[in-house]
C-alpha atoms as a PDB file:
ATOM      1  CA  MET A   1     -19.788 -10.547   1.861  1.00  0.00           C
ATOM      2  CA  THR A   2     -23.033  -9.638   0.125  1.00  0.00           C
ATOM      3  CA  ILE A   3     -23.545  -6.399  -1.764  1.00  0.00           C
ATOM      4  CA  ALA A   4     -25.880  -5.256   1.017  1.00  0.00           C
ATOM      5  CA  SER A   5     -23.249  -5.998   3.665  1.00  0.00           C
ATOM      6  CA  LEU A   6     -20.640  -4.198   1.571  1.00  0.00           C
ATOM      7  CA  ALA A   7     -22.858  -1.121   1.312  1.00  0.00           C
ATOM      8  CA  ALA A   8     -23.454  -1.174   5.063  1.00  0.00           C
ATOM      9  CA  SER A   9     -19.715  -1.483   5.715  1.00  0.00           C
ATOM     10  CA  VAL A  10     -18.936   1.423   3.406  1.00  0.00           C
ATOM     11  CA  ALA A  11     -21.550   3.609   5.104  1.00  0.00           C
ATOM     12  CA  ALA A  12     -20.348   2.709   8.607  1.00  0.00           C
ATOM     13  CA  ALA A  13     -16.690   3.276   7.696  1.00  0.00           C
ATOM     14  CA  GLU A  14     -17.363   6.633   6.060  1.00  0.00           C
ATOM     15  CA  LEU A  15     -19.557   7.932   8.884  1.00  0.00           C
ATOM     16  CA  GLY A  16     -17.064   6.824  11.513  1.00  0.00           C
ATOM     17  CA  LEU A  17     -14.026   8.235   9.756  1.00  0.00           C
ATOM     18  CA  ALA A  18     -15.804  11.470   8.839  1.00  0.00           C
ATOM     19  CA  ALA A  19     -16.362  12.011  12.572  1.00  0.00           C
ATOM     20  CA  ILE A  20     -12.773  11.029  13.395  1.00  0.00           C
ATOM     21  CA  MET A  21     -11.300  13.418  10.827  1.00  0.00           C
ATOM     22  CA  THR A  22     -13.592  16.174  12.054  1.00  0.00           C
ATOM     23  CA  GLY A  23     -11.905  15.563  15.397  1.00  0.00           C
ATOM     24  CA  ALA A  24      -8.491  15.798  13.688  1.00  0.00           C
ATOM     25  CA  TRP A  25      -9.532  19.122  12.168  1.00  0.00           C
ATOM     26  CA  ALA A  26     -10.689  20.414  15.557  1.00  0.00           C
ATOM     27  CA  THR A  27      -7.410  19.278  17.116  1.00  0.00           C
ATOM     28  CA  GLN A  28      -5.410  21.224  14.549  1.00  0.00           C
ATOM     29  CA  ARG A  29      -7.570  24.311  14.957  1.00  0.00           C
ATOM     30  CA  SER A  30      -7.272  24.317  18.747  1.00  0.00           C
ATOM     31  CA  SER A  31      -3.571  23.441  18.974  1.00  0.00           C
ATOM     32  CA  GLY A  32      -2.267  25.071  15.806  1.00  0.00           C
ATOM     33  CA  GLN A  33      -0.256  21.883  15.198  1.00  0.00           C
ATOM     34  CA  THR A  34      -0.667  19.821  12.030  1.00  0.00           C
ATOM     35  CA  GLY A  35       1.463  16.847  13.041  1.00  0.00           C
ATOM     36  CA  TRP A  36      -1.364  15.057  14.873  1.00  0.00           C
ATOM     37  CA  ILE A  37      -3.573  14.760  11.779  1.00  0.00           C
ATOM     38  CA  ASP A  38      -1.891  11.684  10.329  1.00  0.00           C
ATOM     39  CA  ALA A  39      -1.696   9.968  13.734  1.00  0.00           C
ATOM     40  CA  ILE A  40      -5.437  10.425  14.266  1.00  0.00           C
ATOM     41  CA  TRP A  41      -6.156   9.175  10.729  1.00  0.00           C
ATOM     42  CA  THR A  42      -3.985   6.077  11.214  1.00  0.00           C
ATOM     43  CA  PHE A  43      -5.524   5.103  14.544  1.00  0.00           C
ATOM     44  CA  GLY A  44      -8.981   5.833  13.134  1.00  0.00           C
ATOM     45  CA  VAL A  45      -8.547   3.638  10.061  1.00  0.00           C
ATOM     46  CA  GLY A  46      -7.088   0.811  12.144  1.00  0.00           C
ATOM     47  CA  ALA A  47      -9.894   0.932  14.698  1.00  0.00           C
ATOM     48  CA  THR A  48     -12.601   1.153  12.036  1.00  0.00           C
ATOM     49  CA  GLY A  49     -11.119  -1.674   9.994  1.00  0.00           C
ATOM     50  CA  ALA A  50     -10.687  -3.925  13.028  1.00  0.00           C
ATOM     51  CA  ALA A  51     -14.268  -3.248  14.165  1.00  0.00           C
ATOM     52  CA  LEU A  52     -15.643  -4.136  10.727  1.00  0.00           C
ATOM     53  CA  ALA A  53     -13.436  -7.241  10.593  1.00  0.00           C
ATOM     54  CA  LEU A  54     -14.865  -8.532  13.856  1.00  0.00           C
ATOM     55  CA  ALA A  55     -18.472  -7.702  13.014  1.00  0.00           C
ATOM     56  CA  PRO A  56     -20.671 -10.695  12.029  1.00  0.00           C
ATOM     57  CA  LEU A  57     -21.810  -9.148   8.749  1.00  0.00           C
ATOM     58  CA  GLY A  58     -24.903 -10.651   7.152  1.00  0.00           C
ATOM     59  CA  ALA A  59     -24.744 -14.372   6.573  1.00  0.00           C
ATOM     60  CA  SER A  60     -20.963 -14.457   6.204  1.00  0.00           C
ATOM     61  CA  ALA A  61     -19.415 -17.887   6.583  1.00  0.00           C
ATOM     62  CA  ALA A  62     -16.074 -16.426   7.604  1.00  0.00           C
ATOM     63  CA  SER A  63     -14.505 -18.245  10.507  1.00  0.00           C
ATOM     64  CA  ASP A  64     -13.847 -16.588  13.852  1.00  0.00           C
ATOM     65  CA  TRP A  65     -10.114 -17.199  13.543  1.00  0.00           C
ATOM     66  CA  ARG A  66      -9.994 -15.385  10.184  1.00  0.00           C
ATOM     67  CA  ARG A  67     -11.854 -12.352  11.488  1.00  0.00           C
ATOM     68  CA  ALA A  68      -9.615 -12.234  14.565  1.00  0.00           C
ATOM     69  CA  ALA A  69      -6.424 -12.642  12.516  1.00  0.00           C
ATOM     70  CA  ILE A  70      -7.319  -9.845  10.083  1.00  0.00           C
ATOM     71  CA  ALA A  71      -8.430  -7.554  12.909  1.00  0.00           C
ATOM     72  CA  GLY A  72      -5.108  -8.262  14.625  1.00  0.00           C
ATOM     73  CA  ALA A  73      -3.209  -7.420  11.447  1.00  0.00           C
ATOM     74  CA  ALA A  74      -5.093  -4.128  11.118  1.00  0.00           C
ATOM     75  CA  ALA A  75      -4.359  -3.306  14.757  1.00  0.00           C
ATOM     76  CA  ALA A  76      -0.668  -4.148  14.320  1.00  0.00           C
ATOM     77  CA  TRP A  77      -0.383  -1.880  11.270  1.00  0.00           C
ATOM     78  CA  SER A  78      -2.244   0.949  13.000  1.00  0.00           C
ATOM     79  CA  ALA A  79      -0.310   0.714  16.275  1.00  0.00           C
ATOM     80  CA  ARG A  80       3.126   0.605  14.647  1.00  0.00           C
ATOM     81  CA  LEU A  81       2.542   3.459  12.219  1.00  0.00           C
ATOM     82  CA  GLY A  82       0.413   5.534  14.587  1.00  0.00           C
ATOM     83  CA  LEU A  83       2.933   5.369  17.436  1.00  0.00           C
ATOM     84  CA  HIS A  84       5.745   6.209  15.024  1.00  0.00           C
ATOM     85  CA  ILE A  85       3.866   9.321  13.893  1.00  0.00           C
ATOM     86  CA  VAL A  86       3.105  10.275  17.512  1.00  0.00           C
ATOM     87  CA  ALA A  87       6.818  10.046  18.399  1.00  0.00           C
ATOM     88  CA  ARG A  88       7.716  12.141  15.352  1.00  0.00           C
ATOM     89  CA  THR A  89       5.053  14.718  16.155  1.00  0.00           C
ATOM     90  CA  ARG A  90       6.234  15.106  19.746  1.00  0.00           C
ATOM     91  CA  GLU A  91       9.609  16.179  18.358  1.00  0.00           C
ATOM     92  CA  ALA A  92       8.272  18.305  15.480  1.00  0.00           C
ATOM     93  CA  PRO A  93       4.583  19.212  15.991  1.00  0.00           C
ATOM     94  CA  ASP A  94       4.146  20.780  12.545  1.00  0.00           C
ATOM     95  CA  ASP A  95       4.058  18.742   9.336  1.00  0.00           C
ATOM     96  CA  PRO A  96       5.584  20.827   6.505  1.00  0.00           C
ATOM     97  CA  ARG A  97       3.165  19.377   3.956  1.00  0.00           C
ATOM     98  CA  TYR A  98       0.075  20.539   5.834  1.00  0.00           C
ATOM     99  CA  ARG A  99       1.697  23.801   6.864  1.00  0.00           C
ATOM    100  CA  LYS A 100       2.405  24.724   3.247  1.00  0.00           C
ATOM    101  CA  LEU A 101      -1.198  23.966   2.289  1.00  0.00           C
ATOM    102  CA  ILE A 102      -2.570  26.069   5.128  1.00  0.00           C
ATOM    103  CA  GLU A 103      -0.323  28.990   4.197  1.00  0.00           C
ATOM    104  CA  SER A 104      -1.341  28.766   0.537  1.00  0.00           C
ATOM    105  CA  TRP A 105      -5.060  28.671   1.441  1.00  0.00           C
ATOM    106  CA  ARG A 106      -4.771  31.841   3.576  1.00  0.00           C
ATOM    107  CA  ALA A 107      -8.139  33.027   4.908  1.00  0.00           C
ATOM    108  CA  ALA A 108      -9.915  29.988   3.451  1.00  0.00           C
ATOM    109  CA  ALA A 109      -7.617  27.601   5.334  1.00  0.00           C
ATOM    110  CA  PRO A 110     -10.124  26.432   7.987  1.00  0.00           C
ATOM    111  CA  ILE A 111     -12.804  25.294   5.533  1.00  0.00           C
ATOM    112  CA  ARG A 112     -10.287  24.042   2.936  1.00  0.00           C
ATOM    113  CA  LEU A 113      -8.501  21.952   5.563  1.00  0.00           C
ATOM    114  CA  PHE A 114     -11.826  20.541   6.787  1.00  0.00           C
ATOM    115  CA  LEU A 115     -12.767  19.447   3.257  1.00  0.00           C
ATOM    116  CA  PHE A 116      -9.277  18.079   2.641  1.00  0.00           C
ATOM    117  CA  LEU A 117      -9.483  15.930   5.770  1.00  0.00           C
ATOM    118  CA  GLN A 118     -12.899  14.662   4.719  1.00  0.00           C
ATOM    119  CA  THR A 119     -11.349  13.393   1.476  1.00  0.00           C
ATOM    120  CA  GLN A 120      -8.846  11.567   3.662  1.00  0.00           C
ATOM    121  CA  ALA A 121     -11.817  10.053   5.498  1.00  0.00           C
ATOM    122  CA  LEU A 122     -13.100   8.728   2.166  1.00  0.00           C
ATOM    123  CA  VAL A 123      -9.752   7.106   1.399  1.00  0.00           C
ATOM    124  CA  GLY A 124      -9.622   5.696   4.921  1.00  0.00           C
ATOM    125  CA  ALA A 125     -13.102   4.227   4.503  1.00  0.00           C
ATOM    126  CA  ALA A 126     -11.962   2.327   1.402  1.00  0.00           C
ATOM    127  CA  LEU A 127      -9.010   0.939   3.365  1.00  0.00           C
ATOM    128  CA  ALA A 128     -11.189  -0.086   6.312  1.00  0.00           C
ATOM    129  CA  VAL A 129     -13.615  -1.854   3.965  1.00  0.00           C
ATOM    130  CA  ALA A 130     -10.701  -3.741   2.373  1.00  0.00           C
ATOM    131  CA  ILE A 131      -9.808  -5.000   5.851  1.00  0.00           C
ATOM    132  CA  ALA A 132     -13.418  -6.096   6.368  1.00  0.00           C
ATOM    133  CA  LEU A 133     -13.490  -7.888   3.024  1.00  0.00           C
ATOM    134  CA  ALA A 134     -10.291  -9.777   3.899  1.00  0.00           C
ATOM    135  CA  ALA A 135     -11.819 -10.788   7.239  1.00  0.00           C
ATOM    136  CA  GLN A 136     -15.143 -11.911   5.750  1.00  0.00           C
ATOM    137  CA  VAL A 137     -13.790 -14.391   3.175  1.00  0.00           C
ATOM    138  CA  PRO A 138     -16.130 -17.429   3.390  1.00  0.00           C
ATOM    139  CA  SER A 139     -13.415 -20.075   3.724  1.00  0.00           C
ATOM    140  CA  PRO A 140     -13.019 -22.267   6.825  1.00  0.00           C
ATOM    141  CA  SER A 141      -9.345 -23.053   6.171  1.00  0.00           C
ATOM    142  CA  TRP A 142      -6.129 -21.433   5.021  1.00  0.00           C
ATOM    143  CA  ARG A 143      -5.760 -20.837   1.289  1.00  0.00           C
ATOM    144  CA  ALA A 144      -2.566 -20.300  -0.694  1.00  0.00           C
ATOM    145  CA  GLN A 145      -3.467 -16.655  -1.178  1.00  0.00           C
ATOM    146  CA  ASP A 146      -3.903 -16.229   2.574  1.00  0.00           C
ATOM    147  CA  LEU A 147      -0.301 -17.325   3.033  1.00  0.00           C
ATOM    148  CA  ALA A 148       0.803 -15.049   0.190  1.00  0.00           C
ATOM    149  CA  GLY A 149      -1.068 -12.112   1.703  1.00  0.00           C
ATOM    150  CA  LEU A 150       0.421 -12.832   5.129  1.00  0.00           C
ATOM    151  CA  ALA A 151       3.936 -12.950   3.686  1.00  0.00           C
ATOM    152  CA  ILE A 152       3.407  -9.634   1.885  1.00  0.00           C
ATOM    153  CA  PHE A 153       1.939  -8.063   5.021  1.00  0.00           C
ATOM    154  CA  VAL A 154       4.791  -9.150   7.294  1.00  0.00           C
ATOM    155  CA  GLY A 155       7.382  -8.038   4.744  1.00  0.00           C
ATOM    156  CA  ALA A 156       5.635  -4.688   4.272  1.00  0.00           C
ATOM    157  CA  LEU A 157       5.307  -4.020   8.003  1.00  0.00           C
ATOM    158  CA  ALA A 158       8.945  -4.958   8.612  1.00  0.00           C
ATOM    159  CA  GLY A 159      10.151  -2.961   5.605  1.00  0.00           C
ATOM    160  CA  GLU A 160       8.291   0.182   6.648  1.00  0.00           C
ATOM    161  CA  ALA A 161       9.569  -0.109  10.220  1.00  0.00           C
ATOM    162  CA  CYS A 162      13.103  -0.604   8.898  1.00  0.00           C
ATOM    163  CA  ALA A 163      12.871   2.451   6.626  1.00  0.00           C
ATOM    164  CA  ASP A 164      11.465   4.604   9.441  1.00  0.00           C
ATOM    165  CA  GLY A 165      14.183   3.382  11.799  1.00  0.00           C
ATOM    166  CA  GLN A 166      16.977   4.090   9.319  1.00  0.00           C
ATOM    167  CA  LEU A 167      15.690   7.625   8.779  1.00  0.00           C
ATOM    168  CA  ALA A 168      15.318   8.259  12.521  1.00  0.00           C
ATOM    169  CA  ARG A 169      18.873   7.064  13.245  1.00  0.00           C
ATOM    170  CA  PHE A 170      20.250   9.161  10.392  1.00  0.00           C
ATOM    171  CA  ARG A 171      18.521  12.292  11.676  1.00  0.00           C
ATOM    172  CA  ALA A 172      19.620  11.611  15.263  1.00  0.00           C
ATOM    173  CA  ASN A 173      23.287  11.899  14.262  1.00  0.00           C
ATOM    174  CA  PRO A 174      24.355  15.569  14.562  1.00  0.00           C
ATOM    175  CA  ALA A 175      26.887  15.024  11.783  1.00  0.00           C
ATOM    176  CA  ASN A 176      24.012  14.488   9.333  1.00  0.00           C
ATOM    177  CA  ARG A 177      22.275  17.803  10.031  1.00  0.00           C
ATOM    178  CA  GLY A 178      21.161  19.326   6.715  1.00  0.00           C
ATOM    179  CA  ARG A 179      22.101  16.186   4.775  1.00  0.00           C
ATOM    180  CA  ILE A 180      19.816  13.838   2.828  1.00  0.00           C
ATOM    181  CA  CYS A 181      19.311  10.315   4.123  1.00  0.00           C
ATOM    182  CA  ASP A 182      20.608   7.978   1.434  1.00  0.00           C
ATOM    183  CA  VAL A 183      21.542   4.946   3.503  1.00  0.00           C
ATOM    184  CA  GLY A 184      19.992   1.486   3.537  1.00  0.00           C
ATOM    185  CA  LEU A 185      16.560   1.389   1.921  1.00  0.00           C
ATOM    186  CA  TRP A 186      16.774   5.141   1.257  1.00  0.00           C
ATOM    187  CA  ARG A 187      19.562   4.425  -1.212  1.00  0.00           C
ATOM    188  CA  ARG A 188      17.171   2.264  -3.232  1.00  0.00           C
ATOM    189  CA  SER A 189      14.065   4.467  -3.127  1.00  0.00           C
ATOM    190  CA  ARG A 190      13.432   8.103  -2.244  1.00  0.00           C
ATOM    191  CA  HIS A 191      10.291   7.026  -0.376  1.00  0.00           C
ATOM    192  CA  PRO A 192      10.730   3.413   0.805  1.00  0.00           C
ATOM    193  CA  ASN A 193       8.355   3.972   3.726  1.00  0.00           C
ATOM    194  CA  TYR A 194       5.590   4.942   1.283  1.00  0.00           C
ATOM    195  CA  PHE A 195       6.350   1.920  -0.908  1.00  0.00           C
ATOM    196  CA  PHE A 196       6.010  -0.489   2.008  1.00  0.00           C
ATOM    197  CA  GLU A 197       2.875   1.308   3.221  1.00  0.00           C
ATOM    198  CA  TRP A 198       1.343   0.666  -0.199  1.00  0.00           C
ATOM    199  CA  LEU A 199       2.335  -3.016   0.071  1.00  0.00           C
ATOM    200  CA  VAL A 200       0.344  -3.336   3.307  1.00  0.00           C
ATOM    201  CA  TRP A 201      -2.825  -2.657   1.315  1.00  0.00           C
ATOM    202  CA  VAL A 202      -1.764  -4.970  -1.488  1.00  0.00           C
ATOM    203  CA  ALA A 203      -1.599  -7.684   1.187  1.00  0.00           C
ATOM    204  CA  PHE A 204      -5.159  -7.083   2.405  1.00  0.00           C
ATOM    205  CA  ALA A 205      -6.425  -7.093  -1.188  1.00  0.00           C
ATOM    206  CA  VAL A 206      -4.634 -10.382  -1.956  1.00  0.00           C
ATOM    207  CA  VAL A 207      -6.403 -12.042   0.971  1.00  0.00           C
ATOM    208  CA  ALA A 208      -9.784 -10.439   0.238  1.00  0.00           C
ATOM    209  CA  VAL A 209     -10.352 -11.229  -3.440  1.00  0.00           C
ATOM    210  CA  ASN A 210     -12.292 -14.471  -3.981  1.00  0.00           C
ATOM    211  CA  GLY A 211     -15.267 -15.757  -5.952  1.00  0.00           C
ATOM    212  CA  ASP A 212     -17.563 -13.296  -4.171  1.00  0.00           C
ATOM    213  CA  GLY A 213     -18.271 -10.389  -6.532  1.00  0.00           C
ATOM    214  CA  ALA A 214     -18.201  -7.822  -3.705  1.00  0.00           C
ATOM    215  CA  SER A 215     -14.653  -8.861  -2.792  1.00  0.00           C
ATOM    216  CA  TRP A 216     -13.199  -7.117  -5.844  1.00  0.00           C
ATOM    217  CA  ALA A 217     -13.901  -3.813  -4.091  1.00  0.00           C
ATOM    218  CA  ALA A 218     -10.817  -4.576  -1.971  1.00  0.00           C
ATOM    219  CA  LEU A 219      -8.626  -3.717  -4.972  1.00  0.00           C
ATOM    220  CA  LEU A 220      -9.657  -0.108  -4.475  1.00  0.00           C
ATOM    221  CA  ALA A 221      -7.464   0.059  -1.349  1.00  0.00           C
ATOM    222  CA  PRO A 222      -4.038  -0.412  -3.005  1.00  0.00           C
ATOM    223  CA  LEU A 223      -5.125   1.652  -6.016  1.00  0.00           C
ATOM    224  CA  LEU A 224      -6.233   4.577  -3.858  1.00  0.00           C
ATOM    225  CA  MET A 225      -3.207   4.298  -1.578  1.00  0.00           C
ATOM    226  CA  TYR A 226      -0.817   4.325  -4.535  1.00  0.00           C
ATOM    227  CA  ALA A 227      -2.543   7.344  -6.075  1.00  0.00           C
ATOM    228  CA  THR A 228      -2.578   9.167  -2.727  1.00  0.00           C
ATOM    229  CA  LEU A 229       1.031   8.459  -1.799  1.00  0.00           C
ATOM    230  CA  ARG A 230       2.566   8.814  -5.241  1.00  0.00           C
ATOM    231  CA  TYR A 231       0.560  11.682  -6.715  1.00  0.00           C
ATOM    232  CA  ALA A 232      -1.356  13.501  -3.954  1.00  0.00           C
ATOM    233  CA  SER A 233      -0.550  14.052  -0.272  1.00  0.00           C
ATOM    234  CA  GLY A 234       2.547  11.848  -0.083  1.00  0.00           C
ATOM    235  CA  VAL A 235       5.417  12.229  -2.529  1.00  0.00           C
ATOM    236  CA  PRO A 236       4.670  15.587  -4.271  1.00  0.00           C
ATOM    237  CA  PRO A 237       4.496  17.904  -1.221  1.00  0.00           C
ATOM    238  CA  LEU A 238       7.412  16.159   0.483  1.00  0.00           C
ATOM    239  CA  GLU A 239       9.576  16.431  -2.611  1.00  0.00           C
ATOM    240  CA  ASP A 240       8.652  20.103  -2.990  1.00  0.00           C
ATOM    241  CA  HIS A 241       9.734  20.659   0.617  1.00  0.00           C
ATOM    242  CA  MET A 242      13.045  18.873   0.003  1.00  0.00           C
ATOM    243  CA  LYS A 243      13.685  20.909  -3.134  1.00  0.00           C
ATOM    244  CA  ARG A 244      13.172  24.132  -1.176  1.00  0.00           C
ATOM    245  CA  THR A 245      15.314  23.104   1.780  1.00  0.00           C
ATOM    246  CA  ARG A 246      18.023  20.905   0.218  1.00  0.00           C
ATOM    247  CA  GLY A 247      18.394  22.380  -3.280  1.00  0.00           C
ATOM    248  CA  GLU A 248      21.151  20.870  -5.434  1.00  0.00           C
ATOM    249  CA  ALA A 249      21.837  18.041  -2.984  1.00  0.00           C
ATOM    250  CA  PHE A 250      18.276  16.813  -3.366  1.00  0.00           C
ATOM    251  CA  ALA A 251      18.427  17.200  -7.155  1.00  0.00           C
ATOM    252  CA  ALA A 252      21.475  14.914  -7.171  1.00  0.00           C
ATOM    253  CA  TYR A 253      19.639  12.434  -4.930  1.00  0.00           C
ATOM    254  CA  GLN A 254      16.676  12.507  -7.335  1.00  0.00           C
ATOM    255  CA  ALA A 255      18.941  11.768 -10.276  1.00  0.00           C
ATOM    256  CA  ARG A 256      20.424   8.621  -8.774  1.00  0.00           C
ATOM    257  CA  THR A 257      17.497   7.201  -6.746  1.00  0.00           C
ATOM    258  CA  PRO A 258      14.092   5.876  -7.942  1.00  0.00           C
ATOM    259  CA  ILE A 259      11.124   7.839  -6.658  1.00  0.00           C
ATOM    260  CA  PHE A 260       8.885   5.021  -5.349  1.00  0.00           C
ATOM    261  CA  PHE A 261       9.552   1.417  -6.358  1.00  0.00           C
ATOM    262  CA  PRO A 262      12.940   0.409  -4.905  1.00  0.00           C
ATOM    263  CA  ARG A 263      15.861  -0.414  -7.121  1.00  0.00           C
ATOM    264  CA  LEU A 264      16.802  -4.075  -6.574  1.00  0.00           C
ATOM    265  CA  PHE A 265      20.404  -3.890  -7.732  1.00  0.00           C
END
């Protein structure tokens, strides 16, 4: 991908996702429910990334099969995570992380939430461009790093689905009401779903990086996703919520379980 094509992809991704997240903001304002925000973001990033992957950008020598495969991977990630969030939101329409922010912003909540969601659009644009860069690699055949990226992607998608499933089954058991999920992957990491979500973007970056100077921009995706999940809208607000609602039990869980990267043994 040329620098000009990269710039065009960035602009298209940002404009598209800015509009999508404006729609997410309007949905929250009209419904009063915050749970749909992440579902809209996930479907939006997947659709934008897949569209850029399939686009014949510039004079790219990327093969049709590569563009289709990467677009399919983006769609698979988006559909799995988006539908999971939709199912969760139908049961609990309000996300405690967003609700706490809105309450803390008080009268300024509408404009603060709008700006906050536009920053999410920026992050989403970087992810969508990483998908495009992986799709536009000018190689007519499989490379070793393609296979490595595929293996990471499949493992990440399966790991995140497994973590989400373990948590859902734990919560569905009435005997676990008020308890902290510390079974399976949740015994090895306090946020295994976030860890595997980060790995998805590592996979796209592994495939994308090549001799083309523009391809290094794909590394921004896992870097931004790690910073977002670990230090911004992922781990910190969720852990604050758990501290408020689970108290000493969560403190004990914190003491024995790594926060992000899973313990292997």
